[in-house]
Amino acid sequence: MSCKEEIKKMSELTDKPFGVNLPIMFLKDDSIVDFVAECGVKFVTTSAGSPAKYIDVLKGAGLTVYHAVPSLAGAMKAADAGVDGLVVEGTEGGGFKSPEEVGLFVLIQAIRRKIDLPIIAAGGIADGQGMAAAFAVGAEGIQMGTRFVSSEESPVHDNWKNAILEGSESDTYVLNKSGSPCLRAIKTDYTKEIYEKGSMDMSVFGGVQDLYFGGDLNAAPALTGQSMGLIDEIKPVQTIIEETVKEFNATCEQLQNAKI
């Protein structure tokens, strides 16, 4: 199913708000931007490139636009482009990363000192404690990737989910640090070869469907964050959200009552 078909299906399945991510580097058809607006989407995150190319058409269609940034420099460029907010991605997270490997909490604080935009924290968060920690340093929301990849509803193969459950916080590689894209993925024979080689290109994702739906962890990099070490059970999405919020509130209350 194509991206457009997925968006259309989502708009037919619910009358609730939902968002769409537009990875700018990988957009093959610019019409997707107009299509998203026509489908009633109100919130878009952009990533993997500059949002400046699409910001006018997205904002002109009445969409709220947040841009994913892995660095202070990227955050400042996104702010100058006119985005409404930022998804700040620390090195702990899976997927495309800054080769500089700056941790989430340092990155949030550095950005908060320079930019007054809402921040969604991403990278290494899998529960309410992590959420509370992110809020403490300046975030106003969180994004969890690896936690939802390993949810019951996630369409990825059980082999990937089980690798997350069985793995530790040190069972990922940061690949291609000297080139682009730099990314974090589960340690496998396949990613070990890429890691030791020191470089890669996008051809490494040629077998991505065999990874996602066939369960072959050596077909492509399985993009996963260090939070895999905090996940030990596959749960429904609703349960994950409810438990995260409950733990967040309990943690905040505990901190409020703490004395030094």
Protein backbone atom coordinates (compact mmCIF):
# COMPACT_ATOMS: atom_id res chain seq x y z
CA MET A 1 0.00 0.00 0.00
CA SER A 2 1.38 3.40 -0.98
CA CYS A 3 1.82 6.32 1.41
CA LYS A 4 -1.14 8.12 -0.16
CA GLU A 5 -3.33 5.03 0.19
CA GLU A 6 -2.34 4.72 3.87
CA ILE A 7 -3.25 8.36 4.55
CA LYS A 8 -6.55 8.01 2.71
CA LYS A 9 -7.39 4.85 4.64
CA MET A 10 -6.62 6.55 7.94
CA SER A 11 -8.89 9.49 7.10
CA GLU A 12 -11.71 7.02 6.36
CA LEU A 13 -11.18 4.99 9.56
CA THR A 14 -11.37 7.88 12.02
CA ASP A 15 -12.72 11.37 12.45
CA LYS A 16 -10.08 12.00 15.14
CA PRO A 17 -7.01 14.15 14.42
CA PHE A 18 -3.92 12.34 13.14
CA GLY A 19 -0.53 13.46 11.91
CA VAL A 20 1.71 12.58 8.98
CA ASN A 21 5.49 12.59 8.73
CA LEU A 22 7.01 13.90 5.50
CA PRO A 23 10.68 12.80 5.14
CA ILE A 24 11.74 15.50 2.71
CA MET A 25 14.82 13.71 1.38
CA PHE A 26 12.74 10.73 0.30
CA LEU A 27 9.67 12.41 -1.20
CA LYS A 28 9.40 11.19 -4.77
CA ASP A 29 6.31 13.21 -5.58
CA ASP A 30 5.79 16.77 -4.33
CA SER A 31 2.03 16.34 -4.76
CA ILE A 32 2.00 14.43 -1.46
CA VAL A 33 2.09 17.81 0.29
CA ASP A 34 -1.14 18.98 -1.35
CA PHE A 35 -2.65 15.52 -0.88
CA VAL A 36 -2.03 15.61 2.88
CA ALA A 37 -3.82 18.94 3.19
CA GLU A 38 -6.75 17.73 1.07
CA CYS A 39 -7.21 14.68 3.33
CA GLY A 40 -7.93 16.87 6.31
CA VAL A 41 -4.61 16.30 8.08
CA LYS A 42 -3.96 19.16 10.48
CA PHE A 43 -0.53 18.24 11.88
CA VAL A 44 2.63 17.40 9.94
CA THR A 45 6.16 16.60 11.03
CA THR A 46 8.89 17.13 8.48
CA SER A 47 12.30 15.48 8.65
CA ALA A 48 15.39 14.49 6.66
CA GLY A 49 15.92 17.83 4.96
CA SER A 50 15.01 21.49 5.19
CA PRO A 51 11.33 22.33 5.83
CA ALA A 52 11.78 25.60 3.94
CA LYS A 53 10.91 23.92 0.64
CA TYR A 54 7.36 23.08 1.75
CA ILE A 55 6.64 25.39 4.66
CA ASP A 56 4.61 27.93 2.66
CA VAL A 57 2.26 25.38 1.09
CA LEU A 58 1.83 23.50 4.37
CA LYS A 59 1.17 26.61 6.43
CA GLY A 60 -0.98 28.03 3.64
CA ALA A 61 -3.19 24.95 3.91
CA GLY A 62 -3.65 25.59 7.63
CA LEU A 63 -1.40 22.79 8.86
CA THR A 64 0.68 22.90 12.01
CA VAL A 65 4.28 21.98 11.12
CA TYR A 66 6.92 20.57 13.46
CA HIS A 67 10.37 19.73 12.14
CA ALA A 68 12.58 16.92 13.47
CA VAL A 69 16.06 18.16 14.40
CA PRO A 70 19.15 16.34 15.74
CA SER A 71 21.20 19.46 16.50
CA LEU A 72 21.06 23.08 17.65
CA ALA A 73 22.12 24.27 14.20
CA GLY A 74 19.28 22.31 12.59
CA ALA A 75 16.82 23.69 15.12
CA MET A 76 17.83 27.27 14.37
CA LYS A 77 17.44 26.73 10.62
CA ALA A 78 13.99 25.20 11.15
CA ALA A 79 12.93 28.09 13.37
CA ASP A 80 14.11 30.57 10.74
CA ALA A 81 12.07 28.66 8.12
CA GLY A 82 8.92 29.34 10.16
CA VAL A 83 7.97 25.99 11.70
CA ASP A 84 5.51 25.91 14.60
CA GLY A 85 7.57 23.59 16.78
CA LEU A 86 10.42 21.10 16.95
CA VAL A 87 10.80 17.35 17.43
CA VAL A 88 14.19 17.23 19.15
CA GLU A 89 15.89 13.89 18.47
CA GLY A 90 18.67 12.79 20.79
CA THR A 91 21.28 10.27 19.75
CA GLU A 92 19.60 7.60 21.88
CA GLY A 93 16.80 7.16 19.37
CA GLY A 94 16.59 4.79 16.44
CA GLY A 95 16.60 5.87 12.82
CA PHE A 96 18.40 8.82 11.26
CA LYS A 97 20.76 10.61 13.63
CA SER A 98 23.36 13.34 13.86
CA PRO A 99 26.85 11.82 13.69
CA GLU A 100 27.79 14.08 16.61
CA GLU A 101 25.83 11.83 19.03
CA VAL A 102 24.48 14.50 21.38
CA GLY A 103 22.25 13.13 24.14
CA LEU A 104 18.60 14.17 24.31
CA PHE A 105 18.67 16.15 27.54
CA VAL A 106 21.75 18.18 26.63
CA LEU A 107 20.26 18.86 23.19
CA ILE A 108 16.89 20.02 24.56
CA GLN A 109 18.56 22.41 26.99
CA ALA A 110 20.88 23.81 24.32
CA ILE A 111 17.94 24.43 21.98
CA ARG A 112 15.71 25.84 24.71
CA ARG A 113 18.35 28.47 25.52
CA LYS A 114 18.25 29.79 21.96
CA ILE A 115 14.76 29.08 20.64
CA ASP A 116 11.31 29.72 22.10
CA LEU A 117 9.28 27.08 20.25
CA PRO A 118 7.34 24.08 21.60
CA ILE A 119 9.54 20.98 21.86
CA ILE A 120 8.62 17.33 21.50
CA ALA A 121 11.36 15.11 22.94
CA ALA A 122 12.41 12.00 21.02
CA GLY A 123 15.11 9.43 21.59
CA GLY A 124 15.46 6.90 24.39
CA ILE A 125 12.01 7.43 25.93
CA ALA A 126 9.88 4.34 26.58
CA ASP A 127 7.88 5.17 29.71
CA GLY A 128 6.51 7.83 32.04
CA GLN A 129 9.78 8.31 33.90
CA GLY A 130 11.53 9.20 30.67
CA MET A 131 8.66 11.52 29.80
CA ALA A 132 8.95 13.31 33.16
CA ALA A 133 12.69 13.71 32.70
CA ALA A 134 12.16 15.23 29.24
CA PHE A 135 9.58 17.68 30.60
CA ALA A 136 11.97 18.66 33.38
CA VAL A 137 14.53 19.95 30.86
CA GLY A 138 12.06 21.85 28.69
CA ALA A 139 9.97 19.50 26.53
CA GLU A 140 6.19 19.81 26.23
CA GLY A 141 5.54 16.43 24.65
CA ILE A 142 7.28 13.19 23.76
CA GLN A 143 7.64 10.92 20.75
CA MET A 144 8.21 7.19 21.27
CA GLY A 145 9.32 5.09 18.31
CA THR A 146 10.88 1.84 19.55
CA ARG A 147 8.20 1.47 22.23
CA PHE A 148 5.46 1.50 19.58
CA VAL A 149 7.41 -0.63 17.09
CA SER A 150 7.17 -3.32 19.76
CA SER A 151 3.44 -2.84 20.41
CA GLU A 152 0.76 -5.41 19.58
CA GLU A 153 -0.63 -3.30 16.74
CA SER A 154 2.73 -2.64 15.10
CA PRO A 155 2.78 -4.25 11.62
CA VAL A 156 6.46 -5.24 11.80
CA HIS A 157 7.37 -8.93 12.02
CA ASP A 158 7.55 -10.60 15.45
CA ASN A 159 11.26 -11.29 14.90
CA TRP A 160 11.92 -7.56 15.12
CA LYS A 161 9.68 -7.15 18.16
CA ASN A 162 11.35 -10.08 19.91
CA ALA A 163 14.81 -8.67 19.15
CA ILE A 164 13.75 -5.51 20.98
CA LEU A 165 12.50 -7.50 23.97
CA GLU A 166 15.67 -9.59 24.15
CA GLY A 167 18.11 -6.73 23.54
CA SER A 168 19.84 -4.40 25.96
CA GLU A 169 20.50 -0.67 25.85
CA SER A 170 23.87 -1.41 24.22
CA ASP A 171 22.59 -3.66 21.41
CA THR A 172 22.50 -1.01 18.67
CA TYR A 173 25.07 0.42 16.29
CA VAL A 174 25.42 4.00 15.05
CA LEU A 175 26.13 3.45 11.36
CA ASN A 176 27.73 5.62 8.69
CA LYS A 177 29.05 8.33 11.03
CA SER A 178 31.31 9.71 8.32
CA GLY A 179 28.55 10.04 5.73
CA SER A 180 24.85 10.60 5.24
CA PRO A 181 22.50 9.28 6.37
CA CYS A 182 23.84 8.39 9.80
CA LEU A 183 21.49 6.08 11.68
CA ARG A 184 21.02 3.80 14.70
CA ALA A 185 19.95 0.16 14.22
CA ILE A 186 19.93 -3.18 16.03
CA LYS A 187 23.21 -5.10 16.10
CA THR A 188 23.02 -7.98 13.60
CA ASP A 189 25.50 -9.68 11.31
CA TYR A 190 24.31 -7.35 8.55
CA THR A 191 24.72 -4.12 10.50
CA LYS A 192 28.02 -5.32 11.97
CA GLU A 193 29.41 -5.54 8.45
CA ILE A 194 28.20 -1.99 7.70
CA TYR A 195 29.60 -0.75 11.02
CA GLU A 196 33.02 -2.26 10.42
CA LYS A 197 33.11 -0.97 6.86
CA GLY A 198 32.41 2.51 8.18
CA SER A 199 30.24 3.70 5.30
CA MET A 200 27.06 2.84 3.42
CA ASP A 201 24.52 4.16 0.94
CA MET A 202 20.77 3.81 0.67
CA SER A 203 21.10 0.46 -1.11
CA VAL A 204 21.39 -1.15 2.33
CA PHE A 205 17.61 -0.73 2.57
CA GLY A 206 16.96 -2.79 -0.56
CA GLY A 207 15.54 -5.64 1.51
CA VAL A 208 13.46 -3.49 3.84
CA GLN A 209 10.20 -5.32 3.07
CA ASP A 210 11.86 -8.63 3.92
CA LEU A 211 12.83 -7.07 7.25
CA TYR A 212 9.48 -5.48 8.07
CA PHE A 213 7.16 -8.24 6.93
CA GLY A 214 9.39 -11.29 6.45
CA GLY A 215 11.28 -10.99 9.71
CA ASP A 216 14.76 -11.22 8.18
CA LEU A 217 16.85 -9.02 10.46
CA ASN A 218 19.77 -9.32 8.06
CA ALA A 219 17.82 -7.97 5.07
CA ALA A 220 18.12 -4.30 6.09
CA PRO A 221 19.00 -2.21 9.17
CA ALA A 222 16.28 -2.52 11.82
CA LEU A 223 16.07 1.09 13.01
CA THR A 224 15.77 0.89 16.79
CA GLY A 225 16.76 3.07 19.75
CA GLN A 226 18.63 2.41 22.96
CA SER A 227 15.27 2.29 24.77
CA MET A 228 15.05 -1.34 23.62
CA GLY A 229 16.85 -2.05 26.89
CA LEU A 230 13.83 -0.69 28.79
CA ILE A 231 11.21 -2.77 26.99
CA ASP A 232 10.41 -6.29 28.14
CA GLU A 233 6.81 -6.87 27.03
CA ILE A 234 4.70 -6.43 23.92
CA LYS A 235 1.61 -4.45 24.89
CA PRO A 236 -1.40 -2.84 23.16
CA VAL A 237 -0.91 0.81 22.19
CA GLN A 238 -3.71 1.92 24.52
CA THR A 239 -2.02 0.20 27.46
CA ILE A 240 1.35 1.77 26.61
CA ILE A 241 -0.18 5.24 26.52
CA GLU A 242 -2.21 4.80 29.70
CA GLU A 243 0.74 3.37 31.65
CA THR A 244 3.06 6.11 30.38
CA VAL A 245 0.69 8.88 31.48
CA LYS A 246 0.07 7.22 34.85
CA GLU A 247 3.79 6.80 35.52
CA PHE A 248 4.48 10.36 34.34
CA ASN A 249 1.96 11.78 36.82
CA ALA A 250 3.26 9.58 39.64
CA THR A 251 6.85 10.60 38.92
CA CYS A 252 5.96 14.30 38.86
CA GLU A 253 4.12 13.95 42.18
CA GLN A 254 7.08 12.14 43.70
CA LEU A 255 9.45 14.87 42.56
CA GLN A 256 7.14 17.57 43.87
CA ASN A 257 7.28 15.99 47.32
CA ALA A 258 11.05 15.45 47.22
CA LYS A 259 13.24 17.50 49.53
CA ILE A 260 16.91 18.34 49.26
